């Protein structure tokens, strides 16, 4: 069964605003993962992938991802 689309807002800060908009409104499928969202954003905004990921594809240490104001690492 297909998941319902949801509307999300992505906010970028600091140097990420050099390559991406400060606020990005998106409609995505309900089953979209954070990884899928990052793939979408790095495809849309040239240079963002180099800022977010290491050469081996890991998230850089200074990148924080928050969901509803809480860091997803915790």
PDB file of N, CA and C in Angstrom:
ATOM      1  N   UNK A   1       0.846  -1.173   0.000  1.00  0.00           N
ATOM      2  CA  UNK A   1       0.000   0.000   0.000  1.00  0.00           C
ATOM      3  C   UNK A   1       0.899   1.246   0.000  1.00  0.00           C
ATOM      4  N   UNK A   2       0.534   2.224  -0.818  1.00  0.00           N
ATOM      5  CA  UNK A   2       1.316   3.463  -0.903  1.00  0.00           C
ATOM      6  C   UNK A   2       1.099   4.312   0.337  1.00  0.00           C
ATOM      7  N   UNK A   3       2.178   4.916   0.791  1.00  0.00           N
ATOM      8  CA  UNK A   3       2.104   5.794   1.962  1.00  0.00           C
ATOM      9  C   UNK A   3       1.564   7.160   1.531  1.00  0.00           C
ATOM     10  N   UNK A   4       0.847   7.803   2.406  1.00  0.00           N
ATOM     11  CA  UNK A   4       0.306   9.132   2.139  1.00  0.00           C
ATOM     12  C   UNK A   4       1.433  10.153   2.092  1.00  0.00           C
ATOM     13  N   UNK A   5       1.334  11.117   1.184  1.00  0.00           N
ATOM     14  CA  UNK A   5       2.350  12.175   1.164  1.00  0.00           C
ATOM     15  C   UNK A   5       2.233  13.059   2.405  1.00  0.00           C
ATOM     16  N   UNK A   6       3.373  13.566   2.844  1.00  0.00           N
ATOM     17  CA  UNK A   6       3.389  14.497   3.967  1.00  0.00           C
ATOM     18  C   UNK A   6       4.170  15.731   3.561  1.00  0.00           C
ATOM     19  N   UNK A   7       3.862  16.836   4.166  1.00  0.00           N
ATOM     20  CA  UNK A   7       4.576  18.085   3.921  1.00  0.00           C
ATOM     21  C   UNK A   7       5.595  18.284   5.025  1.00  0.00           C
ATOM     22  N   UNK A   8       6.823  18.601   4.637  1.00  0.00           N
ATOM     23  CA  UNK A   8       7.869  18.850   5.620  1.00  0.00           C
ATOM     24  C   UNK A   8       8.568  20.158   5.293  1.00  0.00           C
ATOM     25  N   UNK A   9       9.245  20.694   6.275  1.00  0.00           N
ATOM     26  CA  UNK A   9      10.059  21.883   6.092  1.00  0.00           C
ATOM     27  C   UNK A   9      11.474  21.550   6.542  1.00  0.00           C
ATOM     28  N   UNK A  10      12.427  21.795   5.657  1.00  0.00           N
ATOM     29  CA  UNK A  10      13.837  21.597   5.961  1.00  0.00           C
ATOM     30  C   UNK A  10      14.452  22.977   6.128  1.00  0.00           C
ATOM     31  N   UNK A  11      15.155  23.173   7.224  1.00  0.00           N
ATOM     32  CA  UNK A  11      15.825  24.450   7.466  1.00  0.00           C
ATOM     33  C   UNK A  11      17.324  24.210   7.448  1.00  0.00           C
ATOM     34  N   UNK A  12      18.033  25.066   6.740  1.00  0.00           N
ATOM     35  CA  UNK A  12      19.491  24.960   6.699  1.00  0.00           C
ATOM     36  C   UNK A  12      20.097  26.123   7.468  1.00  0.00           C
ATOM     37  N   UNK A  13      21.291  25.900   7.982  1.00  0.00           N
ATOM     38  CA  UNK A  13      21.972  26.913   8.775  1.00  0.00           C
ATOM     39  C   UNK A  13      23.423  27.029   8.339  1.00  0.00           C
ATOM     40  N   UNK A  14      24.035  28.092   8.770  1.00  0.00           N
ATOM     41  CA  UNK A  14      25.476  28.334   8.590  1.00  0.00           C
ATOM     42  C   UNK A  14      25.870  28.205   7.122  1.00  0.00           C
ATOM     43  N   UNK A  15      26.950  27.501   6.864  1.00  0.00           N
ATOM     44  CA  UNK A  15      27.490  27.439   5.506  1.00  0.00           C
ATOM     45  C   UNK A  15      26.598  26.670   4.536  1.00  0.00           C
ATOM     46  N   UNK A  16      25.683  25.866   5.023  1.00  0.00           N
ATOM     47  CA  UNK A  16      24.769  25.160   4.120  1.00  0.00           C
ATOM     48  C   UNK A  16      23.916  26.144   3.328  1.00  0.00           C
ATOM     49  N   UNK A  17      23.698  27.318   3.863  1.00  0.00           N
ATOM     50  CA  UNK A  17      22.905  28.327   3.152  1.00  0.00           C
ATOM     51  C   UNK A  17      23.645  28.903   1.952  1.00  0.00           C
ATOM     52  N   UNK A  18      24.932  28.618   1.835  1.00  0.00           N
ATOM     53  CA  UNK A  18      25.679  29.052   0.658  1.00  0.00           C
ATOM     54  C   UNK A  18      25.255  28.274  -0.591  1.00  0.00           C
ATOM     55  N   UNK A  19      24.746  27.059  -0.402  1.00  0.00           N
ATOM     56  CA  UNK A  19      24.366  26.234  -1.547  1.00  0.00           C
ATOM     57  C   UNK A  19      22.887  25.856  -1.571  1.00  0.00           C
ATOM     58  N   UNK A  20      22.192  26.015  -0.461  1.00  0.00           N
ATOM     59  CA  UNK A  20      20.776  25.627  -0.381  1.00  0.00           C
ATOM     60  C   UNK A  20      19.963  26.781   0.207  1.00  0.00           C
ATOM     61  N   UNK A  21      18.673  26.746  -0.047  1.00  0.00           N
ATOM     62  CA  UNK A  21      17.776  27.756   0.511  1.00  0.00           C
ATOM     63  C   UNK A  21      17.715  27.622   2.032  1.00  0.00           C
ATOM     64  N   UNK A  22      17.425  28.716   2.707  1.00  0.00           N
ATOM     65  CA  UNK A  22      17.321  28.707   4.169  1.00  0.00           C
ATOM     66  C   UNK A  22      16.161  27.839   4.636  1.00  0.00           C
ATOM     67  N   UNK A  23      15.061  27.871   3.909  1.00  0.00           N
ATOM     68  CA  UNK A  23      13.881  27.068   4.220  1.00  0.00           C
ATOM     69  C   UNK A  23      13.427  26.375   2.948  1.00  0.00           C
ATOM     70  N   UNK A  24      13.241  25.068   3.044  1.00  0.00           N
ATOM     71  CA  UNK A  24      12.849  24.265   1.887  1.00  0.00           C
ATOM     72  C   UNK A  24      11.573  23.518   2.245  1.00  0.00           C
ATOM     73  N   UNK A  25      10.496  23.803   1.538  1.00  0.00           N
ATOM     74  CA  UNK A  25       9.220  23.113   1.755  1.00  0.00           C
ATOM     75  C   UNK A  25       9.110  21.975   0.749  1.00  0.00           C
ATOM     76  N   UNK A  26       8.818  20.774   1.237  1.00  0.00           N
ATOM     77  CA  UNK A  26       8.732  19.596   0.379  1.00  0.00           C
ATOM     78  C   UNK A  26       7.503  18.772   0.715  1.00  0.00           C
ATOM     79  N   UNK A  27       6.965  18.109  -0.295  1.00  0.00           N
ATOM     80  CA  UNK A  27       5.956  17.078  -0.105  1.00  0.00           C
ATOM     81  C   UNK A  27       6.637  15.758  -0.448  1.00  0.00           C
ATOM     82  N   UNK A  28       6.698  14.855   0.524  1.00  0.00           N
ATOM     83  CA  UNK A  28       7.370  13.568   0.330  1.00  0.00           C
ATOM     84  C   UNK A  28       6.437  12.439   0.751  1.00  0.00           C
ATOM     85  N   UNK A  29       6.776  11.226   0.336  1.00  0.00           N
ATOM     86  CA  UNK A  29       5.998  10.057   0.752  1.00  0.00           C
ATOM     87  C   UNK A  29       6.207   9.796   2.234  1.00  0.00           C
ATOM     88  N   UNK A  30       5.193   9.324   2.911  1.00  0.00           N
ATOM     89  CA  UNK A  30       5.252   9.063   4.338  1.00  0.00           C
ATOM     90  C   UNK A  30       6.333   8.084   4.757  1.00  0.00           C
ATOM     91  N   UNK A  31       6.763   7.202   3.883  1.00  0.00           N
ATOM     92  CA  UNK A  31       7.783   6.218   4.219  1.00  0.00           C
ATOM     93  C   UNK A  31       9.205   6.663   3.901  1.00  0.00           C
ATOM     94  N   UNK A  32       9.378   7.915   3.543  1.00  0.00           N
ATOM     95  CA  UNK A  32      10.701   8.422   3.185  1.00  0.00           C
ATOM     96  C   UNK A  32      11.620   8.436   4.402  1.00  0.00           C
ATOM     97  N   UNK A  33      12.824   7.912   4.251  1.00  0.00           N
ATOM     98  CA  UNK A  33      13.803   7.903   5.335  1.00  0.00           C
ATOM     99  C   UNK A  33      14.639   9.177   5.298  1.00  0.00           C
ATOM    100  N   UNK A  34      15.395   9.409   6.355  1.00  0.00           N
ATOM    101  CA  UNK A  34      16.308  10.556   6.391  1.00  0.00           C
ATOM    102  C   UNK A  34      17.341  10.415   5.279  1.00  0.00           C
ATOM    103  N   UNK A  35      17.822   9.210   5.044  1.00  0.00           N
ATOM    104  CA  UNK A  35      18.784   8.977   3.972  1.00  0.00           C
ATOM    105  C   UNK A  35      18.214   9.331   2.609  1.00  0.00           C
ATOM    106  N   UNK A  36      16.972   8.945   2.376  1.00  0.00           N
ATOM    107  CA  UNK A  36      16.311   9.268   1.113  1.00  0.00           C
ATOM    108  C   UNK A  36      16.134  10.782   0.974  1.00  0.00           C
ATOM    109  N   UNK A  37      15.784  11.433   2.061  1.00  0.00           N
ATOM    110  CA  UNK A  37      15.624  12.883   2.040  1.00  0.00           C
ATOM    111  C   UNK A  37      16.956  13.566   1.729  1.00  0.00           C
ATOM    112  N   UNK A  38      18.036  13.093   2.349  1.00  0.00           N
ATOM    113  CA  UNK A  38      19.354  13.666   2.076  1.00  0.00           C
ATOM    114  C   UNK A  38      19.754  13.453   0.621  1.00  0.00           C
ATOM    115  N   UNK A  39      19.446  12.287   0.062  1.00  0.00           N
ATOM    116  CA  UNK A  39      19.715  12.047  -1.353  1.00  0.00           C
ATOM    117  C   UNK A  39      18.963  13.041  -2.230  1.00  0.00           C
ATOM    118  N   UNK A  40      17.706  13.269  -1.907  1.00  0.00           N
ATOM    119  CA  UNK A  40      16.896  14.222  -2.662  1.00  0.00           C
ATOM    120  C   UNK A  40      17.494  15.626  -2.599  1.00  0.00           C
ATOM    121  N   UNK A  41      17.867  16.055  -1.400  1.00  0.00           N
ATOM    122  CA  UNK A  41      18.404  17.403  -1.223  1.00  0.00           C
ATOM    123  C   UNK A  41      19.761  17.580  -1.899  1.00  0.00           C
ATOM    124  N   UNK A  42      20.621  16.561  -1.801  1.00  0.00           N
ATOM    125  CA  UNK A  42      21.946  16.690  -2.413  1.00  0.00           C
ATOM    126  C   UNK A  42      21.869  16.627  -3.936  1.00  0.00           C
ATOM    127  N   UNK A  43      20.834  16.015  -4.464  1.00  0.00           N
ATOM    128  CA  UNK A  43      20.614  16.030  -5.913  1.00  0.00           C
ATOM    129  C   UNK A  43      20.094  17.398  -6.356  1.00  0.00           C
ATOM    130  N   UNK A  44      19.232  17.971  -5.566  1.00  0.00           N
ATOM    131  CA  UNK A  44      18.619  19.254  -5.906  1.00  0.00           C
ATOM    132  C   UNK A  44      19.601  20.416  -5.778  1.00  0.00           C
ATOM    133  N   UNK A  45      20.480  20.368  -4.791  1.00  0.00           N
ATOM    134  CA  UNK A  45      21.389  21.488  -4.512  1.00  0.00           C
ATOM    135  C   UNK A  45      22.838  21.065  -4.746  1.00  0.00           C
ATOM    136  N   UNK A  46      23.389  21.511  -5.867  1.00  0.00           N
ATOM    137  CA  UNK A  46      24.777  21.185  -6.224  1.00  0.00           C
ATOM    138  C   UNK A  46      25.721  21.674  -5.123  1.00  0.00           C
ATOM    139  N   UNK A  47      26.654  20.839  -4.737  1.00  0.00           N
ATOM    140  CA  UNK A  47      27.633  21.190  -3.721  1.00  0.00           C
ATOM    141  C   UNK A  47      27.228  20.801  -2.315  1.00  0.00           C
ATOM    142  N   UNK A  48      25.961  20.545  -2.100  1.00  0.00           N
ATOM    143  CA  UNK A  48      25.500  20.184  -0.755  1.00  0.00           C
ATOM    144  C   UNK A  48      26.053  18.830  -0.317  1.00  0.00           C
ATOM    145  N   UNK A  49      26.120  17.890  -1.239  1.00  0.00           N
ATOM    146  CA  UNK A  49      26.618  16.558  -0.902  1.00  0.00           C
ATOM    147  C   UNK A  49      28.034  16.593  -0.356  1.00  0.00           C
ATOM    148  N   UNK A  50      28.887  17.432  -0.949  1.00  0.00           N
ATOM    149  CA  UNK A  50      30.267  17.546  -0.473  1.00  0.00           C
ATOM    150  C   UNK A  50      30.337  18.164   0.921  1.00  0.00           C
ATOM    151  N   UNK A  51      29.358  18.973   1.253  1.00  0.00           N
ATOM    152  CA  UNK A  51      29.334  19.605   2.568  1.00  0.00           C
ATOM    153  C   UNK A  51      28.788  18.658   3.641  1.00  0.00           C
ATOM    154  N   UNK A  52      27.926  17.739   3.242  1.00  0.00           N
ATOM    155  CA  UNK A  52      27.217  16.881   4.189  1.00  0.00           C
ATOM    156  C   UNK A  52      27.919  15.531   4.403  1.00  0.00           C
ATOM    157  N   UNK A  53      28.486  14.971   3.340  1.00  0.00           N
ATOM    158  CA  UNK A  53      29.039  13.616   3.406  1.00  0.00           C
ATOM    159  C   UNK A  53      30.554  13.597   3.242  1.00  0.00           C
ATOM    160  N   UNK A  54      31.197  12.617   3.894  1.00  0.00           N
ATOM    161  CA  UNK A  54      32.626  12.374   3.701  1.00  0.00           C
ATOM    162  C   UNK A  54      32.814  11.669   2.358  1.00  0.00           C
ATOM    163  N   UNK A  55      34.058  11.441   1.978  1.00  0.00           N
ATOM    164  CA  UNK A  55      34.353  10.737   0.727  1.00  0.00           C
ATOM    165  C   UNK A  55      33.830   9.308   0.732  1.00  0.00           C
ATOM    166  N   UNK A  56      33.686   8.717   1.913  1.00  0.00           N
ATOM    167  CA  UNK A  56      33.174   7.345   2.010  1.00  0.00           C
ATOM    168  C   UNK A  56      31.654   7.287   2.179  1.00  0.00           C
ATOM    169  N   UNK A  57      30.985   8.441   2.114  1.00  0.00           N
ATOM    170  CA  UNK A  57      29.525   8.477   2.190  1.00  0.00           C
ATOM    171  C   UNK A  57      28.951   8.587   3.588  1.00  0.00           C
ATOM    172  N   UNK A  58      29.807   8.772   4.575  1.00  0.00           N
ATOM    173  CA  UNK A  58      29.333   8.950   5.957  1.00  0.00           C
ATOM    174  C   UNK A  58      28.933  10.406   6.175  1.00  0.00           C
ATOM    175  N   UNK A  59      28.021  10.611   7.094  1.00  0.00           N
ATOM    176  CA  UNK A  59      27.627  11.962   7.473  1.00  0.00           C
ATOM    177  C   UNK A  59      28.796  12.632   8.195  1.00  0.00           C
ATOM    178  N   UNK A  60      29.132  13.836   7.792  1.00  0.00           N
ATOM    179  CA  UNK A  60      30.242  14.530   8.451  1.00  0.00           C
ATOM    180  C   UNK A  60      29.871  14.820   9.900  1.00  0.00           C
ATOM    181  N   UNK A  61      30.889  14.861  10.766  1.00  0.00           N
ATOM    182  CA  UNK A  61      30.666  14.985  12.212  1.00  0.00           C
ATOM    183  C   UNK A  61      29.961  16.271  12.607  1.00  0.00           C
ATOM    184  N   UNK A  62      30.167  17.336  11.856  1.00  0.00           N
ATOM    185  CA  UNK A  62      29.558  18.619  12.222  1.00  0.00           C
ATOM    186  C   UNK A  62      28.118  18.766  11.736  1.00  0.00           C
ATOM    187  N   UNK A  63      27.603  17.779  11.021  1.00  0.00           N
ATOM    188  CA  UNK A  63      26.236  17.845  10.504  1.00  0.00           C
ATOM    189  C   UNK A  63      25.275  17.328  11.570  1.00  0.00           C
ATOM    190  N   UNK A  64      24.328  18.159  11.930  1.00  0.00           N
ATOM    191  CA  UNK A  64      23.291  17.762  12.880  1.00  0.00           C
ATOM    192  C   UNK A  64      21.953  17.737  12.159  1.00  0.00           C
ATOM    193  N   UNK A  65      21.208  16.669  12.353  1.00  0.00           N
ATOM    194  CA  UNK A  65      19.885  16.553  11.757  1.00  0.00           C
ATOM    195  C   UNK A  65      18.885  16.494  12.891  1.00  0.00           C
ATOM    196  N   UNK A  66      17.936  17.406  12.846  1.00  0.00           N
ATOM    197  CA  UNK A  66      16.918  17.507  13.886  1.00  0.00           C
ATOM    198  C   UNK A  66      15.556  17.149  13.318  1.00  0.00           C
ATOM    199  N   UNK A  67      14.784  16.441  14.078  1.00  0.00           N
ATOM    200  CA  UNK A  67      13.385  16.168  13.741  1.00  0.00           C
ATOM    201  C   UNK A  67      12.549  16.714  14.885  1.00  0.00           C
ATOM    202  N   UNK A  68      11.681  17.648  14.561  1.00  0.00           N
ATOM    203  CA  UNK A  68      10.856  18.316  15.566  1.00  0.00           C
ATOM    204  C   UNK A  68      11.701  18.898  16.696  1.00  0.00           C
ATOM    205  N   UNK A  69      12.877  19.449  16.323  1.00  0.00           N
ATOM    206  CA  UNK A  69      13.730  20.121  17.275  1.00  0.00           C
ATOM    207  C   UNK A  69      14.654  19.218  18.088  1.00  0.00           C
ATOM    208  N   UNK A  70      14.616  17.900  17.830  1.00  0.00           N
ATOM    209  CA  UNK A  70      15.466  16.956  18.578  1.00  0.00           C
ATOM    210  C   UNK A  70      16.458  16.299  17.639  1.00  0.00           C
ATOM    211  N   UNK A  71      17.713  16.220  18.072  1.00  0.00           N
ATOM    212  CA  UNK A  71      18.749  15.594  17.275  1.00  0.00           C
ATOM    213  C   UNK A  71      18.424  14.112  17.092  1.00  0.00           C
ATOM    214  N   UNK A  72      18.451  13.638  15.853  1.00  0.00           N
ATOM    215  CA  UNK A  72      18.077  12.243  15.597  1.00  0.00           C
ATOM    216  C   UNK A  72      19.130  11.258  16.078  1.00  0.00           C
ATOM    217  N   UNK A  73      20.332  11.724  16.415  1.00  0.00           N
ATOM    218  CA  UNK A  73      21.352  10.825  16.950  1.00  0.00           C
ATOM    219  C   UNK A  73      20.978  10.313  18.336  1.00  0.00           C
ATOM    220  N   UNK A  74      20.096  11.008  19.002  1.00  0.00           N
ATOM    221  CA  UNK A  74      19.687  10.603  20.348  1.00  0.00           C
ATOM    222  C   UNK A  74      18.292  10.056  20.291  1.00  0.00           C
TER     223      UNK A  74
END
